[in-house]
Amino acid sequence: MRIDKFLNAVNITKRRAVAEDMLAHKVVFINGLAVKKAKEVKVGDMIEIRYLEKSDKFKVLQIPLTKSTPKSKMLEFVEQI
C-alpha cells in the first residue's frame, strides 16, 4: 500500500490530502529516508513524522486491506514508539 493511502487508512492523518501535503514538504520518513507519496509501505517499516517541535514514530504491524479502518483498530496496524 502506498504511504499516502496508508497514513489515511490507519488514521494517522484525517485526510489523504493532508498526508500528500506532508509528503510534499518532506516531513514523512520511512526507515530514516524522506519519501514520496508513491512509496510502498511494508510490514516492519518505521515511519517517522517530523513536526516543528516533536516527531511521532510508528512501526508498521500489518497492512490494512480496506481503504479506511475504525480509529479503535489503529493499534492493530501500527505501534506508536
Protein backbone atom coordinates (compact mmCIF):
# COMPACT_ATOMS: atom_id res chain seq x y z
CA MET A 1 0.00 0.00 0.00
CA ARG A 2 1.26 3.49 -0.83
CA ILE A 3 2.37 5.65 2.11
CA ASP A 4 -0.20 8.39 1.44
CA LYS A 5 -3.05 5.85 1.45
CA PHE A 6 -1.59 4.03 4.46
CA LEU A 7 -1.40 7.16 6.63
CA ASN A 8 -5.06 7.87 5.91
CA ALA A 9 -6.26 4.25 6.17
CA VAL A 10 -4.83 3.72 9.67
CA ASN A 11 -5.98 7.16 10.90
CA ILE A 12 -2.57 8.77 11.35
CA THR A 13 -3.88 11.62 9.19
CA LYS A 14 -7.51 12.65 8.88
CA ARG A 15 -7.49 13.05 5.10
CA ARG A 16 -5.33 11.75 2.29
CA ALA A 17 -4.78 15.32 1.09
CA VAL A 18 -3.13 16.08 4.44
CA ALA A 19 -0.86 13.06 4.02
CA GLU A 20 0.05 14.16 0.48
CA ASP A 21 0.87 17.66 1.72
CA MET A 22 3.10 16.26 4.48
CA LEU A 23 4.90 14.08 1.94
CA ALA A 24 5.38 17.02 -0.45
CA HIS A 25 7.01 19.01 2.36
CA LYS A 26 9.36 16.12 3.25
CA VAL A 27 8.28 15.61 6.85
CA VAL A 28 7.48 11.88 6.48
CA PHE A 29 10.35 9.41 6.67
CA ILE A 30 10.39 5.62 6.25
CA ASN A 31 13.38 3.89 7.79
CA GLY A 32 15.17 7.26 8.06
CA LEU A 33 14.67 8.35 4.44
CA ALA A 34 12.32 11.11 3.22
CA VAL A 35 9.79 9.54 0.85
CA LYS A 36 7.37 10.48 -1.90
CA LYS A 37 3.68 9.57 -1.90
CA ALA A 38 4.14 6.54 -4.18
CA LYS A 39 6.49 4.75 -1.73
CA GLU A 40 5.17 1.32 -0.78
CA VAL A 41 4.85 0.52 2.92
CA LYS A 42 5.86 -2.94 4.15
CA VAL A 43 5.37 -4.73 7.46
CA GLY A 44 8.22 -3.83 9.80
CA ASP A 45 8.86 -0.37 8.31
CA MET A 46 9.48 2.50 10.72
CA ILE A 47 7.50 5.63 9.84
CA GLU A 48 8.55 8.96 11.36
CA ILE A 49 6.59 12.20 11.02
CA ARG A 50 8.67 15.24 11.99
CA TYR A 51 6.63 18.20 13.19
CA LEU A 52 8.16 21.56 14.15
CA GLU A 53 8.58 20.77 17.85
CA LYS A 54 8.28 16.98 18.04
CA SER A 55 8.21 13.82 15.98
CA ASP A 56 5.96 10.77 16.02
CA LYS A 57 7.32 7.32 15.21
CA PHE A 58 5.27 4.30 14.20
CA LYS A 59 6.17 0.69 13.42
CA VAL A 60 4.02 -0.97 10.75
CA LEU A 61 2.50 -4.18 12.14
CA GLN A 62 0.23 -5.05 9.23
CA ILE A 63 -1.20 -3.54 6.06
CA PRO A 64 -4.96 -2.84 6.01
CA LEU A 65 -6.99 -4.47 3.25
CA THR A 66 -9.63 -1.73 3.19
CA LYS A 67 -9.48 1.96 2.35
CA SER A 68 -10.34 3.02 5.89
CA THR A 69 -10.35 1.45 9.33
CA PRO A 70 -12.04 2.48 12.56
CA LYS A 71 -9.89 4.53 14.96
CA SER A 72 -10.35 1.82 17.56
CA LYS A 73 -8.47 -0.62 15.28
CA MET A 74 -5.45 1.67 14.69
CA LEU A 75 -3.21 -0.24 17.11
CA GLU A 76 -3.68 -3.43 15.09
CA PHE A 77 -1.86 -1.81 12.16
CA VAL A 78 0.75 0.45 13.79
CA GLU A 79 2.60 0.61 17.08
CA GLN A 80 3.49 4.10 18.28
CA ILE A 81 7.05 4.30 19.57
